[in-house]
Amino acid sequence: MSLKRNTAANCLGSFYLTIANILVIPFYISYLGAEAYGLVGFFTLLQQWLRMFDLGLTPTLSREAARQKSDSISVEAFKNLAKSLEYFYFAIAFVVSVVMIFSSRWVAMFWLKKEAISVEIIWQSLLLMGITVPLRWVLSLYRGGLTGMEKHVWLSAFTVISATMRTFGVILVFETAGASLPVFFMYQVILAVIEVITIIVYFHSNLPDTGRAAKFSWAALRGVGLFAGSIAVTSGLWLLITQADRFVLSSTLLLSDFAVYNLAITAAFVVGLFSEPVSRVIMPRMTSLFSQNRNQEMIQLYRQATQCVVVLTTAITGTLVVYSEPVVYAWTGRQDLAAAASPILRWYALGNGILNLLAFQYYLQFACGQLKYHLRFHIAAAILWLPAVSFVAVRYGAIGTGKLWSLLQLITFVCWTWYIHQKFVPGLHGRWLKEDVLPVVFTSSAVLAGLQYLFPDFVEFSRLQCLSASAIIFTALFLTGALTSGFCREQLLMYACKRKLTNGPT
């Protein structure tokens, strides 16, 4: 399957998932209230934190599936590895579920800061989370394997269907069964069971038939132990870095204030909308190219993907940073939420935009199968970040953590990306910055400055006017970046020529 088709499928699935989660938030707040939505935000936080227990298994299975696809390992070895990883994953999921269920009352009574919601309702909701969260976590292992197999179209369709049921399906349930937290979380349990069964059946149906049943193998686990261990530690540390602020704020903020914070960081997540699907496509492909000693093709793909991500990132980041308040108002229809969430959104969007570019050095390390530098960096970053973000979260709240997040990403991008490029591909960094990154950033920033001068603020517009103005600004920034980027400009010209040839002379 072509790289473009895989990328398009991933973009579609991720785009729909993110947009669905964003569009449904105003409905959640309308049906449940801001405080109850704060508990839904805590539910999202738990799902993120559970990724710490992945232990590197998901990216390992993805990488080995890509290697098996290029015949670097045997089919039987891959099937034994998949079976062994399944045993570990389900064992961990069971233990986590038990811990969450038994600790739910303590969390309801002492951790979460409630106002109107009773402890009993929160406790019931947490019990149901203890079932749903581990089940949703199990999905990631099979997603990783199917990603390595390059089953992107099926994964995209699965994502769209499940996202629709998780989000808009809730509205139908609220209309028929009544809007309450127990109803919401019971519905999520039922969906999680269906999702897990579906993806397990599809994954196993795509394993090649060797005539032998797959079996648990310690040898298979030892073979990927070093790589998985590196991924496990770095992923765990990265989650600590990215989620520590949410963890601290979930205890220091009232649930209603935590709802505003969660609304802001959900909107900021849009910045990574096109980065994540691109990474899921190019990481297996770069791994495959490296394993075949096609290093020049790997670097070419790396640089082309960079330009695509830079174009999209600068457009959405610029829009959210400068026009955060009217964007939130267009989304929610509430001026009070827009005023409260926009200062938080602005800083997290900026940090996430820088993170999109920072992530490329990790893709390079991953493809080469050398993660020791990644591990060392995350150990050092966690040691510095955790006490800093804990202090800032308690002292300065959500706006303070947003500013700290942006500062961390900027410093890391400037220093660490250069270091990794020098280690893996000496001489690449200067060309990467001058040809792939900075031209788009500078031209888009200049256009954004001009737009801000002409239209300093449109928060007094209606919701529809705010939405239209935001879309126009995003489109202007996107076209500016696309025409500045050499690779994207070439793709646009090729597309225009094909359209002209297809339509024929007029």
Foldseek 3Di string as FASTA:
>chain_A
DDLVVLLVLLLLLLVLLLVLVLLQLLVLCVQENLLLLLLVLVLVLLLLLCVLPLLLLLLLLLQVLLCVVLVVDDLQLSLQSLVQSLVVLVVVLVVQLVVQLVCLLVCLPAFAAEDPDDSVQSSLLSNLSSQLSSLVNSVSNLVSNVLSNSVSNVVSVLSNVLSCCLGVVVVVQCVVVNDDSNSSSVSSNVSSVVSSVVSVVVSVVPRDDPVDHHHHDPVSCVVCVVLSNLVSLLSSLVSCQVSVLLSLLSRQDHSSLSSLLSSLLSLLCVLCSSLVSSLSSLLSVLLSCVVVVVNVVSVVSLLLSLQVSQLLNLLSLLLLQQAVLLVVCLSNVDNVSSVSRSLLNNLSNLLVSLVSNLCSLVSLCSSNSHCPVSNVVSVVCSVPRNVVSSVQCNVPNRSSNSNVSNVVSVVCSVPVSVVSCCVRPNPVPVCSCVQRHPQLNVQLVVVSVVVCVVDVYDSVDGSVVSVVVSVVSSVVSSVRSQCRHPSSVVVVVVVVVVVDVVVDDD
